[in-house]
Amino acid sequence: MGEATHGTATKIFLILVLVIPIFGENENFKIFGIEASYGECNYINDYIQSGIGNIDSIMNYINFWTWRTEEVKELVIWMKEYNQRHTEKIEVLWI
């Protein structure tokens, strides 16, 4: 799934928030690729895998304004909660 509009439609992010958890829970998807820097992804991974940091700080580390949305914030929170319940963790990779 890709976001081709670069911020012109938050409906794309709403779809991500709805669909990614379905893939994670039902289809065993464990990698989420995001157009972000390696460092930004490390902050997200630290947060979702070990609880380091807080969600508002994590969202401020994301340089692309298109990813700094409430929908993406909800998705990152879901990934953290998923990882707390499962031994096989979701990981965020930069692309």
C-alpha atoms as a PDB file:
ATOM      1  CA  MET A   1       0.000   0.000   0.000  1.00  0.00           C
ATOM      2  CA  GLY A   2       1.322   3.393  -0.836  1.00  0.00           C
ATOM      3  CA  GLU A   3       0.465   6.967  -0.264  1.00  0.00           C
ATOM      4  CA  ALA A   4       0.652   8.710  -3.621  1.00  0.00           C
ATOM      5  CA  THR A   5      -0.869  12.028  -2.634  1.00  0.00           C
ATOM      6  CA  HIS A   6       1.789  13.283  -0.176  1.00  0.00           C
ATOM      7  CA  GLY A   7      -0.595  14.771   2.310  1.00  0.00           C
ATOM      8  CA  THR A   8      -3.488  15.869   0.161  1.00  0.00           C
ATOM      9  CA  ALA A   9      -5.894  13.319   1.578  1.00  0.00           C
ATOM     10  CA  THR A  10      -5.942  12.106   5.167  1.00  0.00           C
ATOM     11  CA  LYS A  11      -8.356   9.400   4.003  1.00  0.00           C
ATOM     12  CA  ILE A  12      -5.294   7.486   2.794  1.00  0.00           C
ATOM     13  CA  PHE A  13      -3.951   7.489   6.354  1.00  0.00           C
ATOM     14  CA  LEU A  14      -7.335   6.474   7.721  1.00  0.00           C
ATOM     15  CA  ILE A  15      -7.231   3.466   5.386  1.00  0.00           C
ATOM     16  CA  LEU A  16      -3.746   2.601   6.696  1.00  0.00           C
ATOM     17  CA  VAL A  17      -4.980   2.750  10.278  1.00  0.00           C
ATOM     18  CA  LEU A  18      -7.834   0.408   9.416  1.00  0.00           C
ATOM     19  CA  VAL A  19      -6.026  -2.026   7.110  1.00  0.00           C
ATOM     20  CA  ILE A  20      -2.562  -2.429   8.664  1.00  0.00           C
ATOM     21  CA  PRO A  21      -3.950  -3.868  11.932  1.00  0.00           C
ATOM     22  CA  ILE A  22      -5.974  -6.391   9.922  1.00  0.00           C
ATOM     23  CA  PHE A  23      -2.810  -7.473   8.092  1.00  0.00           C
ATOM     24  CA  GLY A  24      -0.864  -7.603  11.346  1.00  0.00           C
ATOM     25  CA  GLU A  25      -3.465  -9.610  13.260  1.00  0.00           C
ATOM     26  CA  ASN A  26      -4.709 -11.920  10.505  1.00  0.00           C
ATOM     27  CA  GLU A  27      -2.029 -12.164   7.815  1.00  0.00           C
ATOM     28  CA  ASN A  28       1.134 -12.181   9.959  1.00  0.00           C
ATOM     29  CA  PHE A  29       2.550  -8.969   8.451  1.00  0.00           C
ATOM     30  CA  LYS A  30       5.417  -7.807  10.676  1.00  0.00           C
ATOM     31  CA  ILE A  31       7.184  -5.140   8.597  1.00  0.00           C
ATOM     32  CA  PHE A  32       5.886  -1.612   8.059  1.00  0.00           C
ATOM     33  CA  GLY A  33       7.915   0.364   5.515  1.00  0.00           C
ATOM     34  CA  ILE A  34       7.725   4.127   5.802  1.00  0.00           C
ATOM     35  CA  GLU A  35       9.263   6.905   3.750  1.00  0.00           C
ATOM     36  CA  ALA A  36      11.394   8.233   6.590  1.00  0.00           C
ATOM     37  CA  SER A  37      15.011   8.348   7.646  1.00  0.00           C
ATOM     38  CA  TYR A  38      16.793   5.512   9.398  1.00  0.00           C
ATOM     39  CA  GLY A  39      16.979   7.623  12.572  1.00  0.00           C
ATOM     40  CA  GLU A  40      13.265   8.410  12.548  1.00  0.00           C
ATOM     41  CA  CYS A  41      12.470   4.725  12.192  1.00  0.00           C
ATOM     42  CA  ASN A  42      14.762   3.940  15.130  1.00  0.00           C
ATOM     43  CA  TYR A  43      12.731   6.287  17.357  1.00  0.00           C
ATOM     44  CA  ILE A  44       9.517   4.597  16.223  1.00  0.00           C
ATOM     45  CA  ASN A  45      10.984   1.104  16.699  1.00  0.00           C
ATOM     46  CA  ASP A  46      12.295   1.940  20.171  1.00  0.00           C
ATOM     47  CA  TYR A  47       8.822   3.145  21.080  1.00  0.00           C
ATOM     48  CA  ILE A  48       6.819   0.253  19.614  1.00  0.00           C
ATOM     49  CA  GLN A  49       9.207  -2.502  20.704  1.00  0.00           C
ATOM     50  CA  SER A  50      10.300  -1.409  24.164  1.00  0.00           C
ATOM     51  CA  GLY A  51       8.199   1.607  25.129  1.00  0.00           C
ATOM     52  CA  ILE A  52      11.118   4.054  25.030  1.00  0.00           C
ATOM     53  CA  GLY A  53       9.889   7.629  24.632  1.00  0.00           C
ATOM     54  CA  ASN A  54       6.366   8.961  24.394  1.00  0.00           C
ATOM     55  CA  ILE A  55       4.111   9.138  21.378  1.00  0.00           C
ATOM     56  CA  ASP A  56       4.083  12.938  21.102  1.00  0.00           C
ATOM     57  CA  SER A  57       7.888  13.118  21.092  1.00  0.00           C
ATOM     58  CA  ILE A  58       8.061  10.295  18.562  1.00  0.00           C
ATOM     59  CA  MET A  59       5.661  12.117  16.245  1.00  0.00           C
ATOM     60  CA  ASN A  60       7.776  15.285  16.502  1.00  0.00           C
ATOM     61  CA  TYR A  61      10.863  13.342  15.370  1.00  0.00           C
ATOM     62  CA  ILE A  62       9.183  12.505  12.066  1.00  0.00           C
ATOM     63  CA  ASN A  63      10.469  14.995   9.491  1.00  0.00           C
ATOM     64  CA  PHE A  64       7.922  14.409   6.734  1.00  0.00           C
ATOM     65  CA  TRP A  65       4.889  16.466   7.729  1.00  0.00           C
ATOM     66  CA  THR A  66       2.716  14.093   5.726  1.00  0.00           C
ATOM     67  CA  TRP A  67       3.336  11.378   8.334  1.00  0.00           C
ATOM     68  CA  ARG A  68       2.678  13.654  11.336  1.00  0.00           C
ATOM     69  CA  THR A  69      -1.061  12.966  11.434  1.00  0.00           C
ATOM     70  CA  GLU A  70      -3.422  11.718  14.111  1.00  0.00           C
ATOM     71  CA  GLU A  71      -4.088   8.646  11.952  1.00  0.00           C
ATOM     72  CA  VAL A  72      -0.412   7.680  11.819  1.00  0.00           C
ATOM     73  CA  LYS A  73      -0.117   8.393  15.537  1.00  0.00           C
ATOM     74  CA  GLU A  74      -2.972   5.938  16.142  1.00  0.00           C
ATOM     75  CA  LEU A  75      -1.198   3.373  13.954  1.00  0.00           C
ATOM     76  CA  VAL A  76       2.066   3.711  15.905  1.00  0.00           C
ATOM     77  CA  ILE A  77       0.155   3.300  19.178  1.00  0.00           C
ATOM     78  CA  TRP A  78      -1.553   0.198  17.777  1.00  0.00           C
ATOM     79  CA  MET A  79       1.837  -1.266  16.767  1.00  0.00           C
ATOM     80  CA  LYS A  80       3.155  -0.715  20.304  1.00  0.00           C
ATOM     81  CA  GLU A  81       0.092  -2.383  21.811  1.00  0.00           C
ATOM     82  CA  TYR A  82       0.371  -5.260  19.313  1.00  0.00           C
ATOM     83  CA  ASN A  83       4.033  -5.788  20.229  1.00  0.00           C
ATOM     84  CA  GLN A  84       3.168  -5.860  23.923  1.00  0.00           C
ATOM     85  CA  ARG A  85       0.749  -8.751  23.287  1.00  0.00           C
ATOM     86  CA  HIS A  86       2.894 -10.839  20.905  1.00  0.00           C
ATOM     87  CA  THR A  87       6.344 -12.391  20.903  1.00  0.00           C
ATOM     88  CA  GLU A  88       6.817 -11.865  17.159  1.00  0.00           C
ATOM     89  CA  LYS A  89       7.149  -8.078  16.883  1.00  0.00           C
ATOM     90  CA  ILE A  90       6.226  -5.555  14.213  1.00  0.00           C
ATOM     91  CA  GLU A  91       9.203  -3.560  12.963  1.00  0.00           C
ATOM     92  CA  VAL A  92       9.278  -0.251  11.098  1.00  0.00           C
ATOM     93  CA  LEU A  93      11.786   0.013   8.223  1.00  0.00           C
ATOM     94  CA  TRP A  94      12.837   3.083   6.319  1.00  0.00           C
ATOM     95  CA  ILE A  95      12.424   3.159   2.557  1.00  0.00           C
END
